[in-house]
């Protein structure tokens, strides 16, 4: 998807990095992922790296609370299921789940994730 950055520059968001419905004219906060040698700008909508884990972990906690403390997703879940339910990539999901597990906020079982 082509985007305009600060009303001045053209950027590009790749399809596999879009986890929400977008429409022409939407104004969103994005982050520069990379400026390529041909001066094209790659943009992502979520924060990059470790800064993205905390918001994703919070989203998982909200989803767990909304579903009586259970989420029918695991590290073996289909990436499309994760995208549909949580609006994040499988990679981001796994990092956030790992963080929640280390904080002892969730329990991971074969059938899903449970809130402790």
N, C-alpha and C. Protein backbone atom coordinates (compact mmCIF):
# COMPACT_ATOMS: atom_id res chain seq x y z
N UNK A 1 0.85 -1.16 0.00
CA UNK A 1 0.00 0.00 0.00
C UNK A 1 0.90 1.23 0.00
N UNK A 2 0.62 2.15 -0.88
CA UNK A 2 1.35 3.40 -0.93
C UNK A 2 0.83 4.35 0.13
N UNK A 3 1.73 5.08 0.77
CA UNK A 3 1.37 6.04 1.81
C UNK A 3 2.11 7.36 1.58
N UNK A 4 1.57 8.40 2.17
CA UNK A 4 2.23 9.70 2.13
C UNK A 4 2.72 10.00 3.54
N UNK A 5 3.99 10.36 3.64
CA UNK A 5 4.62 10.61 4.94
C UNK A 5 4.76 12.11 5.13
N UNK A 6 4.16 12.63 6.20
CA UNK A 6 4.24 14.05 6.56
C UNK A 6 3.90 14.98 5.40
N UNK A 7 2.96 14.58 4.57
CA UNK A 7 2.47 15.36 3.43
C UNK A 7 3.57 15.69 2.42
N UNK A 8 4.70 14.96 2.46
CA UNK A 8 5.83 15.29 1.60
C UNK A 8 6.42 14.11 0.84
N UNK A 9 6.50 12.97 1.48
CA UNK A 9 7.25 11.84 0.93
C UNK A 9 6.34 10.65 0.68
N UNK A 10 6.70 9.87 -0.32
CA UNK A 10 5.98 8.64 -0.60
C UNK A 10 6.64 7.47 0.12
N UNK A 11 5.80 6.61 0.67
CA UNK A 11 6.30 5.43 1.35
C UNK A 11 5.49 4.22 0.92
N UNK A 12 5.89 3.08 1.42
CA UNK A 12 5.24 1.83 1.06
C UNK A 12 5.11 0.95 2.29
N UNK A 13 3.89 0.41 2.49
CA UNK A 13 3.67 -0.59 3.54
C UNK A 13 3.39 -1.90 2.83
N UNK A 14 4.15 -2.92 3.17
CA UNK A 14 3.97 -4.21 2.53
C UNK A 14 2.74 -4.93 3.08
N UNK A 15 2.09 -5.67 2.22
CA UNK A 15 0.85 -6.37 2.55
C UNK A 15 0.99 -7.26 3.79
N UNK A 16 2.11 -7.94 3.93
CA UNK A 16 2.28 -8.85 5.06
C UNK A 16 2.55 -8.13 6.38
N UNK A 17 2.60 -6.80 6.34
CA UNK A 17 2.78 -6.02 7.56
C UNK A 17 1.55 -5.18 7.91
N UNK A 18 0.44 -5.45 7.23
CA UNK A 18 -0.81 -4.75 7.52
C UNK A 18 -1.71 -5.70 8.29
N UNK A 19 -2.08 -5.29 9.51
CA UNK A 19 -2.87 -6.16 10.37
C UNK A 19 -4.20 -5.51 10.78
N UNK A 20 -4.64 -4.54 10.00
CA UNK A 20 -5.92 -3.89 10.25
C UNK A 20 -6.48 -3.42 8.91
N UNK A 21 -7.77 -3.14 8.89
CA UNK A 21 -8.38 -2.65 7.66
C UNK A 21 -7.97 -1.19 7.45
N UNK A 22 -7.53 -0.90 6.25
CA UNK A 22 -7.12 0.47 5.89
C UNK A 22 -7.95 0.96 4.72
N UNK A 23 -8.24 2.24 4.73
CA UNK A 23 -8.98 2.87 3.64
C UNK A 23 -8.24 4.11 3.17
N UNK A 24 -8.51 4.52 1.97
CA UNK A 24 -7.91 5.74 1.44
C UNK A 24 -8.31 6.90 2.32
N UNK A 25 -7.34 7.72 2.68
CA UNK A 25 -7.60 8.89 3.51
C UNK A 25 -7.36 8.66 5.00
N UNK A 26 -7.15 7.42 5.42
CA UNK A 26 -6.86 7.16 6.83
C UNK A 26 -5.58 7.86 7.23
N UNK A 27 -5.58 8.40 8.44
CA UNK A 27 -4.38 9.05 8.98
C UNK A 27 -3.93 8.22 10.17
N UNK A 28 -2.75 7.64 10.05
CA UNK A 28 -2.22 6.76 11.09
C UNK A 28 -0.78 7.12 11.41
N UNK A 29 -0.37 6.71 12.60
CA UNK A 29 1.02 6.89 12.96
C UNK A 29 1.81 5.69 12.44
N UNK A 30 2.87 5.96 11.73
CA UNK A 30 3.71 4.92 11.19
C UNK A 30 5.16 5.17 11.57
N UNK A 31 5.98 4.20 11.27
CA UNK A 31 7.40 4.28 11.60
C UNK A 31 8.22 3.90 10.38
N UNK A 32 9.31 4.61 10.17
CA UNK A 32 10.20 4.32 9.05
C UNK A 32 10.96 3.04 9.39
N UNK A 33 10.79 2.04 8.55
CA UNK A 33 11.49 0.78 8.76
C UNK A 33 12.84 0.81 8.07
N UNK A 34 12.83 1.38 6.86
CA UNK A 34 14.05 1.35 6.07
C UNK A 34 13.95 2.35 4.93
N UNK A 35 15.04 3.00 4.62
CA UNK A 35 15.14 3.82 3.41
C UNK A 35 16.07 3.04 2.48
N UNK A 36 15.50 2.62 1.36
CA UNK A 36 16.25 1.78 0.43
C UNK A 36 17.20 2.60 -0.43
N UNK A 37 18.18 1.94 -1.06
CA UNK A 37 19.15 2.66 -1.91
C UNK A 37 18.49 3.48 -3.02
N UNK A 38 17.30 3.06 -3.48
CA UNK A 38 16.61 3.81 -4.53
C UNK A 38 15.76 4.94 -3.94
N UNK A 39 16.00 5.27 -2.65
CA UNK A 39 15.31 6.34 -1.91
C UNK A 39 13.83 6.07 -1.66
N UNK A 40 13.39 4.84 -1.83
CA UNK A 40 12.03 4.50 -1.47
C UNK A 40 12.00 4.18 0.02
N UNK A 41 10.90 4.51 0.68
CA UNK A 41 10.80 4.39 2.13
C UNK A 41 9.83 3.26 2.49
N UNK A 42 10.31 2.32 3.27
CA UNK A 42 9.46 1.25 3.79
C UNK A 42 8.92 1.70 5.15
N UNK A 43 7.61 1.55 5.32
CA UNK A 43 6.92 2.03 6.52
C UNK A 43 6.22 0.85 7.19
N UNK A 44 6.18 0.87 8.53
CA UNK A 44 5.39 -0.09 9.30
C UNK A 44 4.46 0.70 10.21
N UNK A 45 3.32 0.10 10.55
CA UNK A 45 2.35 0.79 11.39
C UNK A 45 2.62 0.59 12.88
N UNK A 46 3.24 -0.51 13.24
CA UNK A 46 3.57 -0.75 14.65
C UNK A 46 5.00 -0.38 14.92
N UNK A 47 5.30 -0.20 16.20
CA UNK A 47 6.67 0.13 16.55
C UNK A 47 7.59 -1.04 16.22
N UNK A 48 8.83 -0.73 16.04
CA UNK A 48 9.80 -1.72 15.60
C UNK A 48 10.56 -2.27 16.80
N UNK A 49 10.83 -3.56 16.77
CA UNK A 49 11.66 -4.19 17.79
C UNK A 49 10.97 -4.36 19.13
N UNK A 50 11.74 -4.21 20.20
CA UNK A 50 11.26 -4.48 21.55
C UNK A 50 10.10 -3.57 21.95
N UNK A 51 10.07 -2.36 21.42
CA UNK A 51 8.99 -1.42 21.76
C UNK A 51 7.62 -1.93 21.34
N UNK A 52 7.58 -2.86 20.42
CA UNK A 52 6.32 -3.41 19.94
C UNK A 52 5.78 -4.51 20.85
N UNK A 53 6.63 -5.10 21.68
CA UNK A 53 6.22 -6.23 22.51
C UNK A 53 5.18 -5.81 23.55
N UNK A 54 5.42 -4.72 24.25
CA UNK A 54 4.51 -4.31 25.33
C UNK A 54 3.10 -4.01 24.84
N UNK A 55 2.92 -3.22 23.77
CA UNK A 55 1.55 -3.00 23.29
C UNK A 55 0.86 -4.29 22.84
N UNK A 56 1.62 -5.20 22.22
CA UNK A 56 1.05 -6.47 21.80
C UNK A 56 0.70 -7.35 22.99
N UNK A 57 1.54 -7.34 24.02
CA UNK A 57 1.25 -8.10 25.23
C UNK A 57 -0.02 -7.55 25.89
N UNK A 58 -0.16 -6.24 25.92
CA UNK A 58 -1.38 -5.63 26.47
C UNK A 58 -2.62 -6.05 25.68
N UNK A 59 -2.49 -6.11 24.36
CA UNK A 59 -3.63 -6.52 23.52
C UNK A 59 -4.01 -7.98 23.81
N UNK A 60 -3.02 -8.82 24.04
CA UNK A 60 -3.30 -10.22 24.37
C UNK A 60 -4.00 -10.32 25.72
N UNK A 61 -3.54 -9.54 26.70
CA UNK A 61 -4.19 -9.54 28.02
C UNK A 61 -5.64 -9.08 27.93
N UNK A 62 -5.90 -8.05 27.14
CA UNK A 62 -7.27 -7.57 26.95
C UNK A 62 -8.13 -8.67 26.34
N UNK A 63 -7.61 -9.34 25.33
CA UNK A 63 -8.35 -10.41 24.67
C UNK A 63 -8.60 -11.58 25.64
N UNK A 64 -7.62 -11.89 26.46
CA UNK A 64 -7.80 -12.94 27.47
C UNK A 64 -8.90 -12.56 28.46
N UNK A 65 -8.87 -11.33 28.94
CA UNK A 65 -9.89 -10.88 29.90
C UNK A 65 -11.29 -10.87 29.28
N UNK A 66 -11.36 -10.51 28.01
CA UNK A 66 -12.65 -10.48 27.32
C UNK A 66 -13.20 -11.88 27.06
N UNK A 67 -12.33 -12.90 27.11
CA UNK A 67 -12.74 -14.27 26.82
C UNK A 67 -12.59 -15.18 28.03
N UNK A 68 -12.93 -14.66 29.19
CA UNK A 68 -12.92 -15.44 30.44
C UNK A 68 -11.56 -16.08 30.74
N UNK A 69 -10.48 -15.41 30.38
CA UNK A 69 -9.15 -15.89 30.72
C UNK A 69 -8.58 -16.97 29.82
N UNK A 70 -9.19 -17.18 28.66
CA UNK A 70 -8.71 -18.22 27.74
C UNK A 70 -8.63 -17.69 26.32
N UNK A 71 -7.58 -18.08 25.63
CA UNK A 71 -7.40 -17.71 24.24
C UNK A 71 -6.98 -18.96 23.47
N UNK A 72 -7.74 -19.31 22.47
CA UNK A 72 -7.51 -20.54 21.70
C UNK A 72 -6.44 -20.32 20.63
N UNK A 73 -5.28 -19.82 21.05
CA UNK A 73 -4.16 -19.63 20.14
C UNK A 73 -2.90 -20.17 20.80
N UNK A 74 -2.02 -20.75 20.00
CA UNK A 74 -0.73 -21.23 20.49
C UNK A 74 0.34 -20.85 19.47
N UNK A 75 1.57 -21.25 19.75
CA UNK A 75 2.65 -20.98 18.79
C UNK A 75 2.50 -21.80 17.52
N UNK A 76 1.59 -22.78 17.53
CA UNK A 76 1.34 -23.59 16.33
C UNK A 76 0.10 -23.11 15.57
N UNK A 77 -0.54 -22.05 16.04
CA UNK A 77 -1.74 -21.53 15.38
C UNK A 77 -1.41 -20.97 14.01
N UNK A 78 -2.41 -20.98 13.16
CA UNK A 78 -2.30 -20.42 11.82
C UNK A 78 -2.06 -18.91 11.92
N UNK A 79 -1.09 -18.37 11.19
CA UNK A 79 -0.84 -16.92 11.23
C UNK A 79 -2.07 -16.08 10.90
N UNK A 80 -2.94 -16.59 10.02
CA UNK A 80 -4.15 -15.85 9.67
C UNK A 80 -5.12 -15.78 10.85
N UNK A 81 -5.18 -16.84 11.66
CA UNK A 81 -6.03 -16.82 12.86
C UNK A 81 -5.53 -15.78 13.85
N UNK A 82 -4.22 -15.71 14.03
CA UNK A 82 -3.64 -14.72 14.94
C UNK A 82 -3.92 -13.32 14.42
N UNK A 83 -3.75 -13.12 13.13
CA UNK A 83 -4.00 -11.82 12.52
C UNK A 83 -5.47 -11.41 12.69
N UNK A 84 -6.38 -12.35 12.49
CA UNK A 84 -7.81 -12.06 12.60
C UNK A 84 -8.22 -11.71 14.03
N UNK A 85 -7.73 -12.48 14.98
CA UNK A 85 -8.14 -12.28 16.37
C UNK A 85 -7.41 -11.13 17.04
N UNK A 86 -6.09 -10.99 16.80
CA UNK A 86 -5.29 -10.02 17.55
C UNK A 86 -4.72 -8.88 16.72
N UNK A 87 -4.88 -8.90 15.41
CA UNK A 87 -4.34 -7.87 14.52
C UNK A 87 -2.84 -7.69 14.71
N UNK A 88 -2.12 -8.82 14.73
CA UNK A 88 -0.65 -8.78 14.80
C UNK A 88 -0.09 -9.99 14.07
N UNK A 89 1.17 -9.93 13.77
CA UNK A 89 1.82 -11.05 13.09
C UNK A 89 2.07 -12.19 14.07
N UNK A 90 2.31 -13.37 13.54
CA UNK A 90 2.61 -14.52 14.39
C UNK A 90 3.91 -14.28 15.16
N UNK A 91 4.88 -13.67 14.51
CA UNK A 91 6.15 -13.38 15.15
C UNK A 91 5.96 -12.44 16.34
N UNK A 92 5.17 -11.39 16.16
CA UNK A 92 4.88 -10.45 17.25
C UNK A 92 4.10 -11.14 18.37
N UNK A 93 3.16 -12.01 17.98
CA UNK A 93 2.38 -12.76 18.95
C UNK A 93 3.29 -13.62 19.83
N UNK A 94 4.21 -14.33 19.21
CA UNK A 94 5.09 -15.21 19.96
C UNK A 94 5.99 -14.43 20.92
N UNK A 95 6.48 -13.28 20.48
CA UNK A 95 7.31 -12.46 21.36
C UNK A 95 6.50 -11.94 22.55
N UNK A 96 5.28 -11.49 22.29
CA UNK A 96 4.43 -10.96 23.36
C UNK A 96 4.04 -12.06 24.34
N UNK A 97 3.70 -13.23 23.83
CA UNK A 97 3.35 -14.37 24.70
C UNK A 97 4.56 -14.75 25.56
N UNK A 98 5.74 -14.75 24.97
CA UNK A 98 6.96 -15.04 25.73
C UNK A 98 7.17 -14.06 26.86
N UNK A 99 6.92 -12.79 26.58
CA UNK A 99 7.05 -11.76 27.60
C UNK A 99 6.04 -11.96 28.73
N UNK A 100 4.79 -12.26 28.38
CA UNK A 100 3.75 -12.49 29.39
C UNK A 100 4.07 -13.74 30.21
N UNK A 101 4.60 -14.76 29.57
CA UNK A 101 4.96 -15.99 30.26
C UNK A 101 6.08 -15.74 31.27
N UNK A 102 7.09 -14.99 30.85
CA UNK A 102 8.20 -14.66 31.74
C UNK A 102 7.74 -13.85 32.95
N UNK A 103 6.71 -13.03 32.74
CA UNK A 103 6.14 -12.23 33.84
C UNK A 103 5.17 -13.05 34.69
N UNK A 104 4.97 -14.31 34.33
CA UNK A 104 4.07 -15.24 35.01
C UNK A 104 2.62 -14.72 35.05
N UNK A 105 2.21 -14.10 33.94
CA UNK A 105 0.83 -13.61 33.82
C UNK A 105 -0.06 -14.59 33.08
N UNK A 106 0.57 -15.52 32.34
CA UNK A 106 -0.21 -16.49 31.57
C UNK A 106 0.37 -17.89 31.76
N UNK A 107 -0.44 -18.86 31.44
CA UNK A 107 -0.02 -20.25 31.41
C UNK A 107 -0.25 -20.75 29.99
N UNK A 108 0.73 -21.43 29.42
CA UNK A 108 0.62 -21.93 28.05
C UNK A 108 0.38 -23.43 28.10
N UNK A 109 -0.72 -23.85 27.48
CA UNK A 109 -1.04 -25.28 27.41
C UNK A 109 -1.23 -25.65 25.94
N UNK A 110 -1.39 -26.93 25.67
CA UNK A 110 -1.52 -27.39 24.28
C UNK A 110 -2.75 -26.83 23.58
N UNK A 111 -3.82 -26.57 24.34
CA UNK A 111 -5.06 -26.09 23.72
C UNK A 111 -5.20 -24.58 23.70
N UNK A 112 -4.23 -23.86 24.28
CA UNK A 112 -4.32 -22.41 24.25
C UNK A 112 -3.59 -21.75 25.40
N UNK A 113 -3.91 -20.48 25.60
CA UNK A 113 -3.27 -19.65 26.61
C UNK A 113 -4.31 -19.33 27.69
N UNK A 114 -3.88 -19.42 28.94
CA UNK A 114 -4.75 -19.15 30.07
C UNK A 114 -4.19 -18.01 30.91
N UNK A 115 -5.05 -17.14 31.35
CA UNK A 115 -4.67 -16.05 32.24
C UNK A 115 -4.51 -16.60 33.65
N UNK A 116 -3.44 -16.24 34.32
CA UNK A 116 -3.22 -16.72 35.70
C UNK A 116 -3.87 -15.73 36.68
